[in-house]
Amino acid sequence: MPTAQITDLAAWKAAHARPIADACRWSEAIETLWLANLRIGFAWQRMFLRALGAR
Protein backbone atom coordinates (compact mmCIF):
# COMPACT_ATOMS: atom_id res chain seq x y z
CA MET A 1 0.00 0.00 0.00
CA PRO A 2 1.48 3.37 -0.90
CA THR A 3 -0.25 5.15 2.01
CA ALA A 4 1.66 3.02 4.54
CA GLN A 5 4.78 5.06 3.79
CA ILE A 6 3.19 8.36 4.83
CA THR A 7 4.70 9.58 8.08
CA ASP A 8 2.61 10.94 10.91
CA LEU A 9 4.22 14.36 11.24
CA ALA A 10 3.18 14.91 14.87
CA ALA A 11 4.65 11.55 15.93
CA TRP A 12 7.83 12.25 13.98
CA LYS A 13 8.26 15.68 15.60
CA ALA A 14 7.62 14.26 19.08
CA ALA A 15 10.14 11.46 18.57
CA HIS A 16 12.82 13.83 17.26
CA ALA A 17 12.24 16.59 19.82
CA ARG A 18 12.64 14.21 22.75
CA PRO A 19 16.42 13.69 22.38
CA ILE A 20 16.95 17.45 22.18
CA ALA A 21 14.92 18.02 25.35
CA ASP A 22 16.83 15.22 27.10
CA ALA A 23 20.17 16.73 26.04
CA CYS A 24 19.10 20.12 27.38
CA ARG A 25 18.13 18.57 30.72
CA TRP A 26 21.45 16.72 30.95
CA SER A 27 23.36 19.87 30.08
CA GLU A 28 21.50 21.82 32.75
CA ALA A 29 22.14 19.10 35.34
CA ILE A 30 25.86 19.01 34.55
CA GLU A 31 26.05 22.81 34.68
CA THR A 32 24.31 22.84 38.07
CA LEU A 33 26.67 20.16 39.39
CA TRP A 34 29.79 21.99 38.18
CA LEU A 35 28.55 25.27 39.65
CA ALA A 36 27.89 23.65 43.03
CA ASN A 37 31.35 22.05 43.04
CA LEU A 38 32.96 25.35 42.08
CA ARG A 39 31.20 27.16 44.91
CA ILE A 40 32.26 24.48 47.39
CA GLY A 41 35.83 24.73 46.14
CA PHE A 42 35.92 28.49 46.62
CA ALA A 43 34.33 28.16 50.06
CA TRP A 44 37.05 25.71 51.13
CA GLN A 45 39.70 28.02 49.70
CA ARG A 46 38.32 30.98 51.68
CA MET A 47 38.19 28.88 54.86
CA PHE A 48 41.78 27.74 54.31
CA LEU A 49 43.05 31.26 53.66
CA ARG A 50 41.22 32.60 56.71
CA ALA A 51 42.71 29.83 58.84
CA LEU A 52 46.19 30.72 57.61
CA GLY A 53 45.59 34.42 58.19
CA ALA A 54 44.46 33.85 61.78
CA ARG A 55 47.90 32.52 62.80
PDB file of N, CA and C in Angstrom:
ATOM      1  N   MET A   1       0.827  -1.181   0.000  1.00  0.00           N
ATOM      2  CA  MET A   1       0.000   0.000   0.000  1.00  0.00           C
ATOM      3  C   MET A   1       0.873   1.247   0.000  1.00  0.00           C
ATOM      4  N   PRO A   2       0.661   2.161  -0.865  1.00  0.00           N
ATOM      5  CA  PRO A   2       1.479   3.366  -0.900  1.00  0.00           C
ATOM      6  C   PRO A   2       1.217   4.303   0.280  1.00  0.00           C
ATOM      7  N   THR A   3       0.044   4.248   0.889  1.00  0.00           N
ATOM      8  CA  THR A   3      -0.249   5.152   2.006  1.00  0.00           C
ATOM      9  C   THR A   3       0.449   4.711   3.287  1.00  0.00           C
ATOM     10  N   ALA A   4       0.967   3.492   3.347  1.00  0.00           N
ATOM     11  CA  ALA A   4       1.661   3.017   4.538  1.00  0.00           C
ATOM     12  C   ALA A   4       2.981   3.764   4.740  1.00  0.00           C
ATOM     13  N   GLN A   5       3.511   4.362   3.700  1.00  0.00           N
ATOM     14  CA  GLN A   5       4.777   5.059   3.792  1.00  0.00           C
ATOM     15  C   GLN A   5       4.624   6.501   4.287  1.00  0.00           C
ATOM     16  N   ILE A   6       3.405   6.982   4.391  1.00  0.00           N
ATOM     17  CA  ILE A   6       3.191   8.359   4.834  1.00  0.00           C
ATOM     18  C   ILE A   6       3.487   8.445   6.333  1.00  0.00           C
ATOM     19  N   THR A   7       4.273   9.421   6.691  1.00  0.00           N
ATOM     20  CA  THR A   7       4.697   9.582   8.082  1.00  0.00           C
ATOM     21  C   THR A   7       3.735  10.490   8.823  1.00  0.00           C
ATOM     22  N   ASP A   8       3.407  10.088  10.044  1.00  0.00           N
ATOM     23  CA  ASP A   8       2.609  10.939  10.913  1.00  0.00           C
ATOM     24  C   ASP A   8       3.532  12.044  11.409  1.00  0.00           C
ATOM     25  N   LEU A   9       3.316  13.254  10.949  1.00  0.00           N
ATOM     26  CA  LEU A   9       4.215  14.361  11.236  1.00  0.00           C
ATOM     27  C   LEU A   9       4.288  14.680  12.737  1.00  0.00           C
ATOM     28  N   ALA A  10       3.174  14.622  13.431  1.00  0.00           N
ATOM     29  CA  ALA A  10       3.177  14.906  14.868  1.00  0.00           C
ATOM     30  C   ALA A  10       4.007  13.876  15.629  1.00  0.00           C
ATOM     31  N   ALA A  11       3.871  12.612  15.276  1.00  0.00           N
ATOM     32  CA  ALA A  11       4.647  11.554  15.929  1.00  0.00           C
ATOM     33  C   ALA A  11       6.139  11.711  15.612  1.00  0.00           C
ATOM     34  N   TRP A  12       6.437  12.068  14.383  1.00  0.00           N
ATOM     35  CA  TRP A  12       7.833  12.255  13.978  1.00  0.00           C
ATOM     36  C   TRP A  12       8.459  13.414  14.759  1.00  0.00           C
ATOM     37  N   LYS A  13       7.736  14.520  14.868  1.00  0.00           N
ATOM     38  CA  LYS A  13       8.263  15.676  15.603  1.00  0.00           C
ATOM     39  C   LYS A  13       8.464  15.340  17.077  1.00  0.00           C
ATOM     40  N   ALA A  14       7.514  14.629  17.673  1.00  0.00           N
ATOM     41  CA  ALA A  14       7.623  14.257  19.084  1.00  0.00           C
ATOM     42  C   ALA A  14       8.832  13.353  19.316  1.00  0.00           C
ATOM     43  N   ALA A  15       9.030  12.397  18.420  1.00  0.00           N
ATOM     44  CA  ALA A  15      10.145  11.462  18.569  1.00  0.00           C
ATOM     45  C   ALA A  15      11.489  12.159  18.376  1.00  0.00           C
ATOM     46  N   HIS A  16      11.547  13.161  17.518  1.00  0.00           N
ATOM     47  CA  HIS A  16      12.817  13.833  17.256  1.00  0.00           C
ATOM     48  C   HIS A  16      13.061  15.013  18.198  1.00  0.00           C
ATOM     49  N   ALA A  17      12.055  15.506  18.849  1.00  0.00           N
ATOM     50  CA  ALA A  17      12.240  16.592  19.818  1.00  0.00           C
ATOM     51  C   ALA A  17      12.667  16.047  21.174  1.00  0.00           C
ATOM     52  N   ARG A  18      12.319  14.803  21.456  1.00  0.00           N
ATOM     53  CA  ARG A  18      12.642  14.211  22.753  1.00  0.00           C
ATOM     54  C   ARG A  18      14.142  14.164  23.026  1.00  0.00           C
ATOM     55  N   PRO A  19      14.978  13.705  22.086  1.00  0.00           N
ATOM     56  CA  PRO A  19      16.422  13.686  22.384  1.00  0.00           C
ATOM     57  C   PRO A  19      16.990  15.080  22.645  1.00  0.00           C
ATOM     58  N   ILE A  20      16.465  16.085  21.973  1.00  0.00           N
ATOM     59  CA  ILE A  20      16.955  17.445  22.183  1.00  0.00           C
ATOM     60  C   ILE A  20      16.585  17.916  23.589  1.00  0.00           C
ATOM     61  N   ALA A  21      15.353  17.642  23.997  1.00  0.00           N
ATOM     62  CA  ALA A  21      14.921  18.025  25.348  1.00  0.00           C
ATOM     63  C   ALA A  21      15.745  17.283  26.400  1.00  0.00           C
ATOM     64  N   ASP A  22      16.021  15.992  26.164  1.00  0.00           N
ATOM     65  CA  ASP A  22      16.831  15.217  27.100  1.00  0.00           C
ATOM     66  C   ASP A  22      18.244  15.784  27.192  1.00  0.00           C
ATOM     67  N   ALA A  23      18.816  16.160  26.053  1.00  0.00           N
ATOM     68  CA  ALA A  23      20.166  16.726  26.043  1.00  0.00           C
ATOM     69  C   ALA A  23      20.198  18.046  26.798  1.00  0.00           C
ATOM     70  N   CYS A  24      19.160  18.844  26.662  1.00  0.00           N
ATOM     71  CA  CYS A  24      19.097  20.121  27.385  1.00  0.00           C
ATOM     72  C   CYS A  24      19.016  19.883  28.891  1.00  0.00           C
ATOM     73  N   ARG A  25      18.234  18.881  29.292  1.00  0.00           N
ATOM     74  CA  ARG A  25      18.130  18.572  30.723  1.00  0.00           C
ATOM     75  C   ARG A  25      19.463  18.080  31.277  1.00  0.00           C
ATOM     76  N   TRP A  26      20.150  17.215  30.520  1.00  0.00           N
ATOM     77  CA  TRP A  26      21.450  16.716  30.955  1.00  0.00           C
ATOM     78  C   TRP A  26      22.451  17.852  31.052  1.00  0.00           C
ATOM     79  N   SER A  27      22.438  18.736  30.073  1.00  0.00           N
ATOM     80  CA  SER A  27      23.356  19.874  30.078  1.00  0.00           C
ATOM     81  C   SER A  27      23.106  20.759  31.292  1.00  0.00           C
ATOM     82  N   GLU A  28      21.843  21.003  31.593  1.00  0.00           N
ATOM     83  CA  GLU A  28      21.501  21.823  32.754  1.00  0.00           C
ATOM     84  C   GLU A  28      21.934  21.144  34.050  1.00  0.00           C
ATOM     85  N   ALA A  29      21.747  19.834  34.137  1.00  0.00           N
ATOM     86  CA  ALA A  29      22.136  19.100  35.343  1.00  0.00           C
ATOM     87  C   ALA A  29      23.656  19.144  35.536  1.00  0.00           C
ATOM     88  N   ILE A  30      24.395  18.976  34.462  1.00  0.00           N
ATOM     89  CA  ILE A  30      25.862  19.014  34.552  1.00  0.00           C
ATOM     90  C   ILE A  30      26.331  20.412  34.934  1.00  0.00           C
ATOM     91  N   GLU A  31      25.702  21.424  34.350  1.00  0.00           N
ATOM     92  CA  GLU A  31      26.054  22.806  34.681  1.00  0.00           C
ATOM     93  C   GLU A  31      25.785  23.102  36.158  1.00  0.00           C
ATOM     94  N   THR A  32      24.650  22.636  36.666  1.00  0.00           N
ATOM     95  CA  THR A  32      24.310  22.837  38.074  1.00  0.00           C
ATOM     96  C   THR A  32      25.319  22.139  38.975  1.00  0.00           C
ATOM     97  N   LEU A  33      25.696  20.921  38.607  1.00  0.00           N
ATOM     98  CA  LEU A  33      26.671  20.164  39.392  1.00  0.00           C
ATOM     99  C   LEU A  33      28.022  20.861  39.415  1.00  0.00           C
ATOM    100  N   TRP A  34      28.499  21.305  38.251  1.00  0.00           N
ATOM    101  CA  TRP A  34      29.791  21.994  38.177  1.00  0.00           C
ATOM    102  C   TRP A  34      29.763  23.287  38.983  1.00  0.00           C
ATOM    103  N   LEU A  35      28.658  24.017  38.907  1.00  0.00           N
ATOM    104  CA  LEU A  35      28.554  25.268  39.647  1.00  0.00           C
ATOM    105  C   LEU A  35      28.596  25.015  41.156  1.00  0.00           C
ATOM    106  N   ALA A  36      27.885  23.995  41.609  1.00  0.00           N
ATOM    107  CA  ALA A  36      27.890  23.654  43.035  1.00  0.00           C
ATOM    108  C   ALA A  36      29.299  23.265  43.482  1.00  0.00           C
ATOM    109  N   ASN A  37      29.982  22.460  42.691  1.00  0.00           N
ATOM    110  CA  ASN A  37      31.348  22.050  43.037  1.00  0.00           C
ATOM    111  C   ASN A  37      32.294  23.241  43.057  1.00  0.00           C
ATOM    112  N   LEU A  38      32.118  24.162  42.123  1.00  0.00           N
ATOM    113  CA  LEU A  38      32.960  25.347  42.077  1.00  0.00           C
ATOM    114  C   LEU A  38      32.749  26.215  43.318  1.00  0.00           C
ATOM    115  N   ARG A  39      31.496  26.373  43.707  1.00  0.00           N
ATOM    116  CA  ARG A  39      31.200  27.160  44.914  1.00  0.00           C
ATOM    117  C   ARG A  39      31.789  26.509  46.155  1.00  0.00           C
ATOM    118  N   ILE A  40      31.682  25.189  46.239  1.00  0.00           N
ATOM    119  CA  ILE A  40      32.256  24.476  47.388  1.00  0.00           C
ATOM    120  C   ILE A  40      33.772  24.640  47.403  1.00  0.00           C
ATOM    121  N   GLY A  41      34.377  24.555  46.232  1.00  0.00           N
ATOM    122  CA  GLY A  41      35.828  24.728  46.141  1.00  0.00           C
ATOM    123  C   GLY A  41      36.275  26.103  46.606  1.00  0.00           C
ATOM    124  N   PHE A  42      35.565  27.136  46.186  1.00  0.00           N
ATOM    125  CA  PHE A  42      35.918  28.486  46.621  1.00  0.00           C
ATOM    126  C   PHE A  42      35.644  28.683  48.107  1.00  0.00           C
ATOM    127  N   ALA A  43      34.616  28.059  48.622  1.00  0.00           N
ATOM    128  CA  ALA A  43      34.330  28.164  50.059  1.00  0.00           C
ATOM    129  C   ALA A  43      35.455  27.532  50.864  1.00  0.00           C
ATOM    130  N   TRP A  44      35.938  26.355  50.437  1.00  0.00           N
ATOM    131  CA  TRP A  44      37.046  25.706  51.128  1.00  0.00           C
ATOM    132  C   TRP A  44      38.302  26.556  51.040  1.00  0.00           C
ATOM    133  N   GLN A  45      38.523  27.169  49.869  1.00  0.00           N
ATOM    134  CA  GLN A  45      39.696  28.018  49.696  1.00  0.00           C
ATOM    135  C   GLN A  45      39.637  29.212  50.653  1.00  0.00           C
ATOM    136  N   ARG A  46      38.465  29.847  50.767  1.00  0.00           N
ATOM    137  CA  ARG A  46      38.318  30.979  51.681  1.00  0.00           C
ATOM    138  C   ARG A  46      38.558  30.545  53.126  1.00  0.00           C
ATOM    139  N   MET A  47      38.003  29.382  53.496  1.00  0.00           N
ATOM    140  CA  MET A  47      38.194  28.885  54.864  1.00  0.00           C
ATOM    141  C   MET A  47      39.673  28.620  55.137  1.00  0.00           C
ATOM    142  N   PHE A  48      40.352  28.042  54.168  1.00  0.00           N
ATOM    143  CA  PHE A  48      41.781  27.735  54.315  1.00  0.00           C
ATOM    144  C   PHE A  48      42.593  29.016  54.447  1.00  0.00           C
ATOM    145  N   LEU A  49      42.296  29.996  53.604  1.00  0.00           N
ATOM    146  CA  LEU A  49      43.050  31.260  53.662  1.00  0.00           C
ATOM    147  C   LEU A  49      42.770  32.007  54.955  1.00  0.00           C
ATOM    148  N   ARG A  50      41.547  31.951  55.434  1.00  0.00           N
ATOM    149  CA  ARG A  50      41.225  32.603  56.706  1.00  0.00           C
ATOM    150  C   ARG A  50      41.933  31.905  57.862  1.00  0.00           C
ATOM    151  N   ALA A  51      42.015  30.582  57.788  1.00  0.00           N
ATOM    152  CA  ALA A  51      42.708  29.834  58.837  1.00  0.00           C
ATOM    153  C   ALA A  51      44.205  30.183  58.855  1.00  0.00           C
ATOM    154  N   LEU A  52      44.777  30.351  57.679  1.00  0.00           N
ATOM    155  CA  LEU A  52      46.191  30.717  57.608  1.00  0.00           C
ATOM    156  C   LEU A  52      46.404  32.146  58.078  1.00  0.00           C
ATOM    157  N   GLY A  53      45.459  33.013  57.791  1.00  0.00           N
ATOM    158  CA  GLY A  53      45.586  34.416  58.190  1.00  0.00           C
ATOM    159  C   GLY A  53      45.393  34.631  59.674  1.00  0.00           C
ATOM    160  N   ALA A  54      44.735  33.708  60.346  1.00  0.00           N
ATOM    161  CA  ALA A  54      44.462  33.852  61.776  1.00  0.00           C
ATOM    162  C   ALA A  54      45.684  33.520  62.619  1.00  0.00           C
ATOM    163  N   ARG A  55      46.693  32.934  62.022  1.00  0.00           N
ATOM    164  CA  ARG A  55      47.896  32.524  62.796  1.00  0.00           C
ATOM    165  C   ARG A  55      48.734  33.694  63.148  1.00  0.00           C
TER     166      ARG A  55
END
